[in-house]
Amino acid sequence: MSDDGKVSLPDLNEDATGPEMAVASEPEGPTSRIAGDLEAVFDVPVQVSAVLGRARMEIGDLLKLGPGAVLELDRKVGEAIDIYVNNRLVARGEVVLVEEKLGVTMTEIIRAERT
């Protein structure tokens, strides 16, 4: 972890033979993974969604909405947003401003139970 509290990520373009690429949570052997093993899926497209909140309304009310309309969502200001990859919840995070554009910082990774 760096001095500013951010976790540094490995450079996936480097040779994966160094100790910095070892996966600490996986046992060594044929089941362990390194970044080079994942190269085949780097170009696979995925859909990423950041959900600020949800609102329910009737179609008639939806059709009455116009520019400047405000919808009340089911979340409070400052509450974590949900981050989905291919419609699966994978993380929670916060909305941030990056060079006058909105972005998302992941603050919690959701580990799904495998079946």
PDB file of N, CA and C in Angstrom:
ATOM      1  N   MET A   1       0.856  -1.172   0.000  1.00  0.00           N
ATOM      2  CA  MET A   1       0.000   0.000   0.000  1.00  0.00           C
ATOM      3  C   MET A   1       0.894   1.225   0.000  1.00  0.00           C
ATOM      4  N   SER A   2       0.544   2.228  -0.803  1.00  0.00           N
ATOM      5  CA  SER A   2       1.364   3.432  -0.875  1.00  0.00           C
ATOM      6  C   SER A   2       1.002   4.395   0.241  1.00  0.00           C
ATOM      7  N   ASP A   3       1.760   5.489   0.349  1.00  0.00           N
ATOM      8  CA  ASP A   3       1.536   6.455   1.424  1.00  0.00           C
ATOM      9  C   ASP A   3       0.179   7.127   1.347  1.00  0.00           C
ATOM     10  N   ASP A   4      -0.398   7.243   0.131  1.00  0.00           N
ATOM     11  CA  ASP A   4      -1.685   7.929  -0.008  1.00  0.00           C
ATOM     12  C   ASP A   4      -2.873   7.008   0.250  1.00  0.00           C
ATOM     13  N   GLY A   5      -2.619   5.757   0.680  1.00  0.00           N
ATOM     14  CA  GLY A   5      -3.698   4.848   1.032  1.00  0.00           C
ATOM     15  C   GLY A   5      -4.213   4.028  -0.129  1.00  0.00           C
ATOM     16  N   LYS A   6      -3.649   4.198  -1.336  1.00  0.00           N
ATOM     17  CA  LYS A   6      -4.104   3.445  -2.494  1.00  0.00           C
ATOM     18  C   LYS A   6      -3.294   2.172  -2.625  1.00  0.00           C
ATOM     19  N   VAL A   7      -3.959   1.115  -3.060  1.00  0.00           N
ATOM     20  CA  VAL A   7      -3.299  -0.156  -3.266  1.00  0.00           C
ATOM     21  C   VAL A   7      -2.741  -0.159  -4.675  1.00  0.00           C
ATOM     22  N   SER A   8      -1.441  -0.465  -4.821  1.00  0.00           N
ATOM     23  CA  SER A   8      -0.855  -0.509  -6.153  1.00  0.00           C
ATOM     24  C   SER A   8      -1.197  -1.835  -6.807  1.00  0.00           C
ATOM     25  N   LEU A   9      -1.494  -1.800  -8.099  1.00  0.00           N
ATOM     26  CA  LEU A   9      -1.839  -2.987  -8.854  1.00  0.00           C
ATOM     27  C   LEU A   9      -0.645  -3.427  -9.670  1.00  0.00           C
ATOM     28  N   PRO A  10      -0.510  -4.721  -9.944  1.00  0.00           N
ATOM     29  CA  PRO A  10       0.620  -5.190 -10.735  1.00  0.00           C
ATOM     30  C   PRO A  10       0.492  -4.738 -12.174  1.00  0.00           C
ATOM     31  N   ASP A  11       1.637  -4.555 -12.847  1.00  0.00           N
ATOM     32  CA  ASP A  11       1.654  -4.205 -14.256  1.00  0.00           C
ATOM     33  C   ASP A  11       1.466  -5.490 -15.040  1.00  0.00           C
ATOM     34  N   LEU A  12       0.317  -5.636 -15.712  1.00  0.00           N
ATOM     35  CA  LEU A  12       0.012  -6.865 -16.423  1.00  0.00           C
ATOM     36  C   LEU A  12       0.828  -7.012 -17.688  1.00  0.00           C
ATOM     37  N   ASN A  13       1.527  -5.959 -18.119  1.00  0.00           N
ATOM     38  CA  ASN A  13       2.334  -6.022 -19.324  1.00  0.00           C
ATOM     39  C   ASN A  13       3.752  -6.514 -19.047  1.00  0.00           C
ATOM     40  N   GLU A  14       4.156  -6.597 -17.786  1.00  0.00           N
ATOM     41  CA  GLU A  14       5.490  -7.047 -17.429  1.00  0.00           C
ATOM     42  C   GLU A  14       5.575  -8.557 -17.520  1.00  0.00           C
ATOM     43  N   ASP A  15       6.813  -9.077 -17.583  1.00  0.00           N
ATOM     44  CA  ASP A  15       7.049 -10.509 -17.541  1.00  0.00           C
ATOM     45  C   ASP A  15       6.540 -11.020 -16.194  1.00  0.00           C
ATOM     46  N   ALA A  16       5.752 -12.050 -16.206  1.00  0.00           N
ATOM     47  CA  ALA A  16       5.085 -12.526 -14.993  1.00  0.00           C
ATOM     48  C   ALA A  16       5.920 -13.535 -14.211  1.00  0.00           C
ATOM     49  N   THR A  17       7.239 -13.495 -14.347  1.00  0.00           N
ATOM     50  CA  THR A  17       8.061 -14.461 -13.635  1.00  0.00           C
ATOM     51  C   THR A  17       8.539 -13.962 -12.293  1.00  0.00           C
ATOM     52  N   GLY A  18       8.416 -12.682 -12.022  1.00  0.00           N
ATOM     53  CA  GLY A  18       8.921 -12.111 -10.775  1.00  0.00           C
ATOM     54  C   GLY A  18       8.014 -12.394  -9.612  1.00  0.00           C
ATOM     55  N   PRO A  19       8.525 -12.233  -8.379  1.00  0.00           N
ATOM     56  CA  PRO A  19       7.718 -12.508  -7.188  1.00  0.00           C
ATOM     57  C   PRO A  19       6.570 -11.525  -7.028  1.00  0.00           C
ATOM     58  N   GLU A  20       6.654 -10.356  -7.670  1.00  0.00           N
ATOM     59  CA  GLU A  20       5.571  -9.379  -7.514  1.00  0.00           C
ATOM     60  C   GLU A  20       4.283  -9.843  -8.165  1.00  0.00           C
ATOM     61  N   MET A  21       4.329 -10.866  -9.028  1.00  0.00           N
ATOM     62  CA  MET A  21       3.139 -11.352  -9.701  1.00  0.00           C
ATOM     63  C   MET A  21       2.550 -12.575  -9.018  1.00  0.00           C
ATOM     64  N   ALA A  22       3.158 -13.049  -7.960  1.00  0.00           N
ATOM     65  CA  ALA A  22       2.635 -14.223  -7.277  1.00  0.00           C
ATOM     66  C   ALA A  22       1.294 -13.884  -6.652  1.00  0.00           C
ATOM     67  N   VAL A  23       0.366 -14.828  -6.695  1.00  0.00           N
ATOM     68  CA  VAL A  23      -0.955 -14.633  -6.131  1.00  0.00           C
ATOM     69  C   VAL A  23      -0.935 -15.188  -4.720  1.00  0.00           C
ATOM     70  N   ALA A  24      -1.026 -14.309  -3.727  1.00  0.00           N
ATOM     71  CA  ALA A  24      -0.873 -14.710  -2.333  1.00  0.00           C
ATOM     72  C   ALA A  24      -2.012 -15.588  -1.842  1.00  0.00           C
ATOM     73  N   SER A  25      -3.238 -15.372  -2.342  1.00  0.00           N
ATOM     74  CA  SER A  25      -4.377 -16.093  -1.803  1.00  0.00           C
ATOM     75  C   SER A  25      -4.571 -17.457  -2.445  1.00  0.00           C
ATOM     76  N   GLU A  26      -3.850 -17.767  -3.521  1.00  0.00           N
ATOM     77  CA  GLU A  26      -3.985 -19.039  -4.211  1.00  0.00           C
ATOM     78  C   GLU A  26      -2.806 -19.942  -3.859  1.00  0.00           C
ATOM     79  N   PRO A  27      -3.022 -21.221  -3.715  1.00  0.00           N
ATOM     80  CA  PRO A  27      -1.904 -22.127  -3.474  1.00  0.00           C
ATOM     81  C   PRO A  27      -1.074 -22.258  -4.741  1.00  0.00           C
ATOM     82  N   GLU A  28       0.234 -22.524  -4.557  1.00  0.00           N
ATOM     83  CA  GLU A  28       1.092 -22.702  -5.719  1.00  0.00           C
ATOM     84  C   GLU A  28       0.768 -24.029  -6.376  1.00  0.00           C
ATOM     85  N   GLY A  29       1.001 -24.108  -7.673  1.00  0.00           N
ATOM     86  CA  GLY A  29       0.742 -25.333  -8.403  1.00  0.00           C
ATOM     87  C   GLY A  29      -0.102 -25.051  -9.621  1.00  0.00           C
ATOM     88  N   PRO A  30      -0.713 -26.069 -10.193  1.00  0.00           N
ATOM     89  CA  PRO A  30      -1.448 -25.903 -11.442  1.00  0.00           C
ATOM     90  C   PRO A  30      -2.684 -25.013 -11.322  1.00  0.00           C
ATOM     91  N   THR A  31      -3.226 -24.810 -10.116  1.00  0.00           N
ATOM     92  CA  THR A  31      -4.418 -23.980  -9.982  1.00  0.00           C
ATOM     93  C   THR A  31      -4.107 -22.503  -9.820  1.00  0.00           C
ATOM     94  N   SER A  32      -2.828 -22.142  -9.567  1.00  0.00           N
ATOM     95  CA  SER A  32      -2.504 -20.730  -9.395  1.00  0.00           C
ATOM     96  C   SER A  32      -2.504 -20.044 -10.755  1.00  0.00           C
ATOM     97  N   ARG A  33      -2.825 -18.758 -10.779  1.00  0.00           N
ATOM     98  CA  ARG A  33      -2.935 -17.990 -12.016  1.00  0.00           C
ATOM     99  C   ARG A  33      -1.961 -16.828 -11.993  1.00  0.00           C
ATOM    100  N   ILE A  34      -1.438 -16.506 -13.158  1.00  0.00           N
ATOM    101  CA  ILE A  34      -0.637 -15.307 -13.324  1.00  0.00           C
ATOM    102  C   ILE A  34      -1.245 -14.503 -14.453  1.00  0.00           C
ATOM    103  N   ALA A  35      -0.867 -13.245 -14.560  1.00  0.00           N
ATOM    104  CA  ALA A  35      -1.475 -12.350 -15.545  1.00  0.00           C
ATOM    105  C   ALA A  35      -1.328 -12.880 -16.963  1.00  0.00           C
ATOM    106  N   GLY A  36      -0.227 -13.529 -17.286  1.00  0.00           N
ATOM    107  CA  GLY A  36      -0.032 -14.063 -18.628  1.00  0.00           C
ATOM    108  C   GLY A  36      -1.079 -15.095 -18.996  1.00  0.00           C
ATOM    109  N   ASP A  37      -1.593 -15.840 -18.015  1.00  0.00           N
ATOM    110  CA  ASP A  37      -2.630 -16.841 -18.276  1.00  0.00           C
ATOM    111  C   ASP A  37      -3.941 -16.200 -18.714  1.00  0.00           C
ATOM    112  N   LEU A  38      -4.146 -14.949 -18.365  1.00  0.00           N
ATOM    113  CA  LEU A  38      -5.405 -14.270 -18.664  1.00  0.00           C
ATOM    114  C   LEU A  38      -5.379 -13.503 -19.981  1.00  0.00           C
ATOM    115  N   GLU A  39      -4.254 -13.504 -20.666  1.00  0.00           N
ATOM    116  CA  GLU A  39      -4.114 -12.703 -21.880  1.00  0.00           C
ATOM    117  C   GLU A  39      -5.175 -13.034 -22.924  1.00  0.00           C
ATOM    118  N   ALA A  40      -5.633 -14.257 -22.986  1.00  0.00           N
ATOM    119  CA  ALA A  40      -6.629 -14.662 -23.978  1.00  0.00           C
ATOM    120  C   ALA A  40      -7.971 -13.968 -23.779  1.00  0.00           C
ATOM    121  N   VAL A  41      -8.259 -13.498 -22.579  1.00  0.00           N
ATOM    122  CA  VAL A  41      -9.561 -12.871 -22.324  1.00  0.00           C
ATOM    123  C   VAL A  41      -9.483 -11.346 -22.255  1.00  0.00           C
ATOM    124  N   PHE A  42      -8.311 -10.747 -22.496  1.00  0.00           N
ATOM    125  CA  PHE A  42      -8.176  -9.293 -22.409  1.00  0.00           C
ATOM    126  C   PHE A  42      -9.079  -8.568 -23.387  1.00  0.00           C
ATOM    127  N   ASP A  43      -9.381  -9.141 -24.538  1.00  0.00           N
ATOM    128  CA  ASP A  43     -10.193  -8.475 -25.553  1.00  0.00           C
ATOM    129  C   ASP A  43     -11.669  -8.858 -25.503  1.00  0.00           C
ATOM    130  N   VAL A  44     -12.089  -9.623 -24.496  1.00  0.00           N
ATOM    131  CA  VAL A  44     -13.491 -10.015 -24.374  1.00  0.00           C
ATOM    132  C   VAL A  44     -14.285  -8.824 -23.835  1.00  0.00           C
ATOM    133  N   PRO A  45     -15.308  -8.378 -24.582  1.00  0.00           N
ATOM    134  CA  PRO A  45     -16.082  -7.231 -24.093  1.00  0.00           C
ATOM    135  C   PRO A  45     -16.991  -7.619 -22.922  1.00  0.00           C
ATOM    136  N   VAL A  46     -17.105  -6.713 -21.964  1.00  0.00           N
ATOM    137  CA  VAL A  46     -18.016  -6.891 -20.843  1.00  0.00           C
ATOM    138  C   VAL A  46     -18.816  -5.606 -20.662  1.00  0.00           C
ATOM    139  N   GLN A  47     -19.988  -5.727 -20.087  1.00  0.00           N
ATOM    140  CA  GLN A  47     -20.820  -4.564 -19.801  1.00  0.00           C
ATOM    141  C   GLN A  47     -20.648  -4.202 -18.337  1.00  0.00           C
ATOM    142  N   VAL A  48     -20.215  -2.962 -18.077  1.00  0.00           N
ATOM    143  CA  VAL A  48     -20.025  -2.489 -16.711  1.00  0.00           C
ATOM    144  C   VAL A  48     -21.074  -1.420 -16.427  1.00  0.00           C
ATOM    145  N   SER A  49     -21.795  -1.571 -15.318  1.00  0.00           N
ATOM    146  CA  SER A  49     -22.830  -0.617 -14.921  1.00  0.00           C
ATOM    147  C   SER A  49     -22.575  -0.146 -13.506  1.00  0.00           C
ATOM    148  N   ALA A  50     -22.709   1.148 -13.295  1.00  0.00           N
ATOM    149  CA  ALA A  50     -22.629   1.728 -11.957  1.00  0.00           C
ATOM    150  C   ALA A  50     -24.019   2.243 -11.610  1.00  0.00           C
ATOM    151  N   VAL A  51     -24.653   1.627 -10.633  1.00  0.00           N
ATOM    152  CA  VAL A  51     -26.044   1.938 -10.291  1.00  0.00           C
ATOM    153  C   VAL A  51     -26.062   2.886  -9.095  1.00  0.00           C
ATOM    154  N   LEU A  52     -26.522   4.105  -9.338  1.00  0.00           N
ATOM    155  CA  LEU A  52     -26.632   5.106  -8.273  1.00  0.00           C
ATOM    156  C   LEU A  52     -27.819   4.836  -7.368  1.00  0.00           C
ATOM    157  N   GLY A  53     -28.868   4.272  -7.934  1.00  0.00           N
ATOM    158  CA  GLY A  53     -30.086   3.997  -7.190  1.00  0.00           C
ATOM    159  C   GLY A  53     -31.188   3.615  -8.150  1.00  0.00           C
ATOM    160  N   ARG A  54     -32.341   3.325  -7.617  1.00  0.00           N
ATOM    161  CA  ARG A  54     -33.477   2.903  -8.445  1.00  0.00           C
ATOM    162  C   ARG A  54     -34.718   3.695  -8.039  1.00  0.00           C
ATOM    163  N   ALA A  55     -35.644   3.803  -8.991  1.00  0.00           N
ATOM    164  CA  ALA A  55     -36.925   4.451  -8.734  1.00  0.00           C
ATOM    165  C   ALA A  55     -38.011   3.671  -9.466  1.00  0.00           C
ATOM    166  N   ARG A  56     -39.182   3.581  -8.869  1.00  0.00           N
ATOM    167  CA  ARG A  56     -40.329   2.916  -9.491  1.00  0.00           C
ATOM    168  C   ARG A  56     -41.378   3.959  -9.795  1.00  0.00           C
ATOM    169  N   MET A  57     -41.952   3.858 -10.991  1.00  0.00           N
ATOM    170  CA  MET A  57     -43.024   4.783 -11.359  1.00  0.00           C
ATOM    171  C   MET A  57     -43.885   4.173 -12.441  1.00  0.00           C
ATOM    172  N   GLU A  58     -45.048   4.729 -12.601  1.00  0.00           N
ATOM    173  CA  GLU A  58     -45.959   4.276 -13.640  1.00  0.00           C
ATOM    174  C   GLU A  58     -45.524   4.856 -14.984  1.00  0.00           C
ATOM    175  N   ILE A  59     -45.873   4.170 -16.056  1.00  0.00           N
ATOM    176  CA  ILE A  59     -45.478   4.611 -17.396  1.00  0.00           C
ATOM    177  C   ILE A  59     -46.010   6.011 -17.687  1.00  0.00           C
ATOM    178  N   GLY A  60     -47.205   6.314 -17.244  1.00  0.00           N
ATOM    179  CA  GLY A  60     -47.773   7.644 -17.463  1.00  0.00           C
ATOM    180  C   GLY A  60     -46.911   8.736 -16.841  1.00  0.00           C
ATOM    181  N   ASP A  61     -46.396   8.472 -15.634  1.00  0.00           N
ATOM    182  CA  ASP A  61     -45.523   9.440 -14.973  1.00  0.00           C
ATOM    183  C   ASP A  61     -44.175   9.536 -15.688  1.00  0.00           C
ATOM    184  N   LEU A  62     -43.695   8.416 -16.184  1.00  0.00           N
ATOM    185  CA  LEU A  62     -42.432   8.410 -16.917  1.00  0.00           C
ATOM    186  C   LEU A  62     -42.530   9.263 -18.185  1.00  0.00           C
ATOM    187  N   LEU A  63     -43.650   9.168 -18.870  1.00  0.00           N
ATOM    188  CA  LEU A  63     -43.836   9.933 -20.103  1.00  0.00           C
ATOM    189  C   LEU A  63     -43.952  11.435 -19.843  1.00  0.00           C
ATOM    190  N   LYS A  64     -44.305  11.828 -18.640  1.00  0.00           N
ATOM    191  CA  LYS A  64     -44.423  13.247 -18.295  1.00  0.00           C
ATOM    192  C   LYS A  64     -43.083  13.891 -17.953  1.00  0.00           C
ATOM    193  N   LEU A  65     -42.046  13.072 -17.784  1.00  0.00           N
ATOM    194  CA  LEU A  65     -40.726  13.613 -17.439  1.00  0.00           C
ATOM    195  C   LEU A  65     -40.155  14.405 -18.604  1.00  0.00           C
ATOM    196  N   GLY A  66     -39.466  15.461 -18.279  1.00  0.00           N
ATOM    197  CA  GLY A  66     -38.817  16.284 -19.290  1.00  0.00           C
ATOM    198  C   GLY A  66     -37.469  16.761 -18.791  1.00  0.00           C
ATOM    199  N   PRO A  67     -36.825  17.606 -19.581  1.00  0.00           N
ATOM    200  CA  PRO A  67     -35.519  18.141 -19.164  1.00  0.00           C
ATOM    201  C   PRO A  67     -35.628  18.841 -17.807  1.00  0.00           C
ATOM    202  N   GLY A  68     -34.697  18.553 -16.921  1.00  0.00           N
ATOM    203  CA  GLY A  68     -34.677  19.176 -15.600  1.00  0.00           C
ATOM    204  C   GLY A  68     -35.498  18.443 -14.558  1.00  0.00           C
ATOM    205  N   ALA A  69     -36.179  17.357 -14.956  1.00  0.00           N
ATOM    206  CA  ALA A  69     -36.984  16.599 -13.994  1.00  0.00           C
ATOM    207  C   ALA A  69     -36.049  15.931 -12.983  1.00  0.00           C
ATOM    208  N   VAL A  70     -36.531  15.810 -11.747  1.00  0.00           N
ATOM    209  CA  VAL A  70     -35.746  15.200 -10.682  1.00  0.00           C
ATOM    210  C   VAL A  70     -36.469  13.941 -10.217  1.00  0.00           C
ATOM    211  N   LEU A  71     -35.723  12.827 -10.163  1.00  0.00           N
ATOM    212  CA  LEU A  71     -36.281  11.573  -9.668  1.00  0.00           C
ATOM    213  C   LEU A  71     -35.704  11.274  -8.303  1.00  0.00           C
ATOM    214  N   GLU A  72     -36.545  10.859  -7.388  1.00  0.00           N
ATOM    215  CA  GLU A  72     -36.067  10.455  -6.074  1.00  0.00           C
ATOM    216  C   GLU A  72     -35.651   8.992  -6.153  1.00  0.00           C
ATOM    217  N   LEU A  73     -34.402   8.708  -5.802  1.00  0.00           N
ATOM    218  CA  LEU A  73     -33.878   7.348  -5.845  1.00  0.00           C
ATOM    219  C   LEU A  73     -33.966   6.710  -4.467  1.00  0.00           C
ATOM    220  N   ASP A  74     -33.736   5.416  -4.411  1.00  0.00           N
ATOM    221  CA  ASP A  74     -33.840   4.680  -3.148  1.00  0.00           C
ATOM    222  C   ASP A  74     -32.540   4.692  -2.339  1.00  0.00           C
ATOM    223  N   ARG A  75     -31.635   5.617  -2.641  1.00  0.00           N
ATOM    224  CA  ARG A  75     -30.368   5.729  -1.916  1.00  0.00           C
ATOM    225  C   ARG A  75     -30.200   7.141  -1.380  1.00  0.00           C
ATOM    226  N   LYS A  76     -29.362   7.258  -0.372  1.00  0.00           N
ATOM    227  CA  LYS A  76     -29.061   8.565   0.208  1.00  0.00           C
ATOM    228  C   LYS A  76     -27.766   9.103  -0.384  1.00  0.00           C
ATOM    229  N   VAL A  77     -27.571  10.405  -0.300  1.00  0.00           N
ATOM    230  CA  VAL A  77     -26.338  11.033  -0.763  1.00  0.00           C
ATOM    231  C   VAL A  77     -25.173  10.460   0.031  1.00  0.00           C
ATOM    232  N   GLY A  78     -24.105  10.083  -0.658  1.00  0.00           N
ATOM    233  CA  GLY A  78     -22.925   9.544  -0.009  1.00  0.00           C
ATOM    234  C   GLY A  78     -22.959   8.043   0.203  1.00  0.00           C
ATOM    235  N   GLU A  79     -24.106   7.414  -0.038  1.00  0.00           N
ATOM    236  CA  GLU A  79     -24.205   5.968   0.117  1.00  0.00           C
ATOM    237  C   GLU A  79     -23.482   5.280  -1.044  1.00  0.00           C
ATOM    238  N   ALA A  80     -22.903   4.134  -0.801  1.00  0.00           N
ATOM    239  CA  ALA A  80     -22.151   3.413  -1.832  1.00  0.00           C
ATOM    240  C   ALA A  80     -23.048   3.045  -3.009  1.00  0.00           C
ATOM    241  N   ILE A  81     -22.453   3.064  -4.200  1.00  0.00           N
ATOM    242  CA  ILE A  81     -23.181   2.652  -5.395  1.00  0.00           C
ATOM    243  C   ILE A  81     -22.802   1.210  -5.718  1.00  0.00           C
ATOM    244  N   ASP A  82     -23.647   0.525  -6.469  1.00  0.00           N
ATOM    245  CA  ASP A  82     -23.386  -0.855  -6.861  1.00  0.00           C
ATOM    246  C   ASP A  82     -22.722  -0.873  -8.228  1.00  0.00           C
ATOM    247  N   ILE A  83     -21.717  -1.726  -8.393  1.00  0.00           N
ATOM    248  CA  ILE A  83     -21.016  -1.868  -9.661  1.00  0.00           C
ATOM    249  C   ILE A  83     -21.263  -3.283 -10.164  1.00  0.00           C
ATOM    250  N   TYR A  84     -21.859  -3.375 -11.342  1.00  0.00           N
ATOM    251  CA  TYR A  84     -22.196  -4.652 -11.944  1.00  0.00           C
ATOM    252  C   TYR A  84     -21.320  -4.892 -13.167  1.00  0.00           C
ATOM    253  N   VAL A  85     -20.903  -6.136 -13.380  1.00  0.00           N
ATOM    254  CA  VAL A  85     -20.240  -6.557 -14.601  1.00  0.00           C
ATOM    255  C   VAL A  85     -21.094  -7.680 -15.171  1.00  0.00           C
ATOM    256  N   ASN A  86     -21.578  -7.460 -16.393  1.00  0.00           N
ATOM    257  CA  ASN A  86     -22.483  -8.420 -17.038  1.00  0.00           C
ATOM    258  C   ASN A  86     -23.645  -8.791 -16.121  1.00  0.00           C
ATOM    259  N   ASN A  87     -24.266  -7.786 -15.530  1.00  0.00           N
ATOM    260  CA  ASN A  87     -25.435  -7.926 -14.654  1.00  0.00           C
ATOM    261  C   ASN A  87     -25.169  -8.716 -13.378  1.00  0.00           C
ATOM    262  N   ARG A  88     -23.914  -8.835 -12.981  1.00  0.00           N
ATOM    263  CA  ARG A  88     -23.568  -9.500 -11.720  1.00  0.00           C
ATOM    264  C   ARG A  88     -22.900  -8.478 -10.811  1.00  0.00           C
ATOM    265  N   LEU A  89     -23.409  -8.355  -9.584  1.00  0.00           N
ATOM    266  CA  LEU A  89     -22.826  -7.433  -8.616  1.00  0.00           C
ATOM    267  C   LEU A  89     -21.417  -7.895  -8.267  1.00  0.00           C
ATOM    268  N   VAL A  90     -20.421  -7.029  -8.528  1.00  0.00           N
ATOM    269  CA  VAL A  90     -19.030  -7.407  -8.252  1.00  0.00           C
ATOM    270  C   VAL A  90     -18.356  -6.482  -7.251  1.00  0.00           C
ATOM    271  N   ALA A  91     -18.900  -5.264  -7.063  1.00  0.00           N
ATOM    272  CA  ALA A  91     -18.234  -4.319  -6.164  1.00  0.00           C
ATOM    273  C   ALA A  91     -19.200  -3.222  -5.744  1.00  0.00           C
ATOM    274  N   ARG A  92     -18.773  -2.469  -4.743  1.00  0.00           N
ATOM    275  CA  ARG A  92     -19.460  -1.241  -4.344  1.00  0.00           C
ATOM    276  C   ARG A  92     -18.423  -0.135  -4.415  1.00  0.00           C
ATOM    277  N   GLY A  93     -18.876   1.087  -4.618  1.00  0.00           N
ATOM    278  CA  GLY A  93     -17.918   2.164  -4.763  1.00  0.00           C
ATOM    279  C   GLY A  93     -18.515   3.524  -4.529  1.00  0.00           C
ATOM    280  N   GLU A  94     -17.720   4.544  -4.885  1.00  0.00           N
ATOM    281  CA  GLU A  94     -18.115   5.936  -4.715  1.00  0.00           C
ATOM    282  C   GLU A  94     -17.955   6.662  -6.040  1.00  0.00           C
ATOM    283  N   VAL A  95     -18.810   7.641  -6.259  1.00  0.00           N
ATOM    284  CA  VAL A  95     -18.698   8.481  -7.442  1.00  0.00           C
ATOM    285  C   VAL A  95     -17.608   9.519  -7.191  1.00  0.00           C
ATOM    286  N   VAL A  96     -16.718   9.705  -8.178  1.00  0.00           N
ATOM    287  CA  VAL A  96     -15.633  10.677  -8.066  1.00  0.00           C
ATOM    288  C   VAL A  96     -15.622  11.552  -9.317  1.00  0.00           C
ATOM    289  N   LEU A  97     -14.993  12.700  -9.206  1.00  0.00           N
ATOM    290  CA  LEU A  97     -14.830  13.604 -10.335  1.00  0.00           C
ATOM    291  C   LEU A  97     -13.382  13.529 -10.788  1.00  0.00           C
ATOM    292  N   VAL A  98     -13.171  13.162 -12.066  1.00  0.00           N
ATOM    293  CA  VAL A  98     -11.831  13.015 -12.625  1.00  0.00           C
ATOM    294  C   VAL A  98     -11.755  13.872 -13.885  1.00  0.00           C
ATOM    295  N   GLU A  99     -10.978  14.951 -13.822  1.00  0.00           N
ATOM    296  CA  GLU A  99     -10.805  15.853 -14.955  1.00  0.00           C
ATOM    297  C   GLU A  99     -12.150  16.249 -15.574  1.00  0.00           C
ATOM    298  N   GLU A 100     -13.060  16.715 -14.753  1.00  0.00           N
ATOM    299  CA  GLU A 100     -14.384  17.192 -15.142  1.00  0.00           C
ATOM    300  C   GLU A 100     -15.292  16.107 -15.704  1.00  0.00           C
ATOM    301  N   LYS A 101     -14.964  14.848 -15.448  1.00  0.00           N
ATOM    302  CA  LYS A 101     -15.810  13.724 -15.841  1.00  0.00           C
ATOM    303  C   LYS A 101     -16.114  12.903 -14.599  1.00  0.00           C
ATOM    304  N   LEU A 102     -17.286  12.272 -14.594  1.00  0.00           N
ATOM    305  CA  LEU A 102     -17.637  11.404 -13.473  1.00  0.00           C
ATOM    306  C   LEU A 102     -16.939  10.069 -13.615  1.00  0.00           C
ATOM    307  N   GLY A 103     -16.527   9.519 -12.505  1.00  0.00           N
ATOM    308  CA  GLY A 103     -15.902   8.207 -12.472  1.00  0.00           C
ATOM    309  C   GLY A 103     -16.363   7.464 -11.240  1.00  0.00           C
ATOM    310  N   VAL A 104     -15.879   6.238 -11.091  1.00  0.00           N
ATOM    311  CA  VAL A 104     -16.250   5.409  -9.951  1.00  0.00           C
ATOM    312  C   VAL A 104     -14.981   4.832  -9.344  1.00  0.00           C
ATOM    313  N   THR A 105     -14.874   4.918  -8.032  1.00  0.00           N
ATOM    314  CA  THR A 105     -13.795   4.285  -7.289  1.00  0.00           C
ATOM    315  C   THR A 105     -14.383   3.090  -6.556  1.00  0.00           C
ATOM    316  N   MET A 106     -13.798   1.909  -6.766  1.00  0.00           N
ATOM    317  CA  MET A 106     -14.281   0.722  -6.062  1.00  0.00           C
ATOM    318  C   MET A 106     -13.742   0.731  -4.638  1.00  0.00           C
ATOM    319  N   THR A 107     -14.639   0.597  -3.670  1.00  0.00           N
ATOM    320  CA  THR A 107     -14.242   0.595  -2.267  1.00  0.00           C
ATOM    321  C   THR A 107     -14.409  -0.773  -1.619  1.00  0.00           C
ATOM    322  N   GLU A 108     -15.191  -1.650  -2.254  1.00  0.00           N
ATOM    323  CA  GLU A 108     -15.442  -2.978  -1.688  1.00  0.00           C
ATOM    324  C   GLU A 108     -15.674  -3.957  -2.835  1.00  0.00           C
ATOM    325  N   ILE A 109     -14.937  -5.057  -2.830  1.00  0.00           N
ATOM    326  CA  ILE A 109     -15.127  -6.113  -3.816  1.00  0.00           C
ATOM    327  C   ILE A 109     -16.075  -7.139  -3.219  1.00  0.00           C
ATOM    328  N   ILE A 110     -17.082  -7.523  -3.982  1.00  0.00           N
ATOM    329  CA  ILE A 110     -18.060  -8.508  -3.526  1.00  0.00           C
ATOM    330  C   ILE A 110     -17.623  -9.871  -4.041  1.00  0.00           C
ATOM    331  N   ARG A 111     -17.349 -10.777  -3.130  1.00  0.00           N
ATOM    332  CA  ARG A 111     -16.949 -12.138  -3.522  1.00  0.00           C
ATOM    333  C   ARG A 111     -18.194 -12.998  -3.623  1.00  0.00           C
ATOM    334  N   ALA A 112     -18.442 -13.499  -4.821  1.00  0.00           N
ATOM    335  CA  ALA A 112     -19.610 -14.356  -5.046  1.00  0.00           C
ATOM    336  C   ALA A 112     -19.257 -15.785  -4.669  1.00  0.00           C
ATOM    337  N   GLU A 113     -20.216 -16.480  -4.091  1.00  0.00           N
ATOM    338  CA  GLU A 113     -20.006 -17.892  -3.787  1.00  0.00           C
ATOM    339  C   GLU A 113     -20.147 -18.677  -5.071  1.00  0.00           C
ATOM    340  N   ARG A 114     -19.188 -19.553  -5.316  1.00  0.00           N
ATOM    341  CA  ARG A 114     -19.226 -20.382  -6.527  1.00  0.00           C
ATOM    342  C   ARG A 114     -20.030 -21.629  -6.245  1.00  0.00           C
ATOM    343  N   THR A 115     -20.842 -22.008  -7.226  1.00  0.00           N
ATOM    344  CA  THR A 115     -21.666 -23.210  -7.050  1.00  0.00           C
ATOM    345  C   THR A 115     -21.141 -24.361  -7.860  1.00  0.00           C
TER     346      THR A 115
END
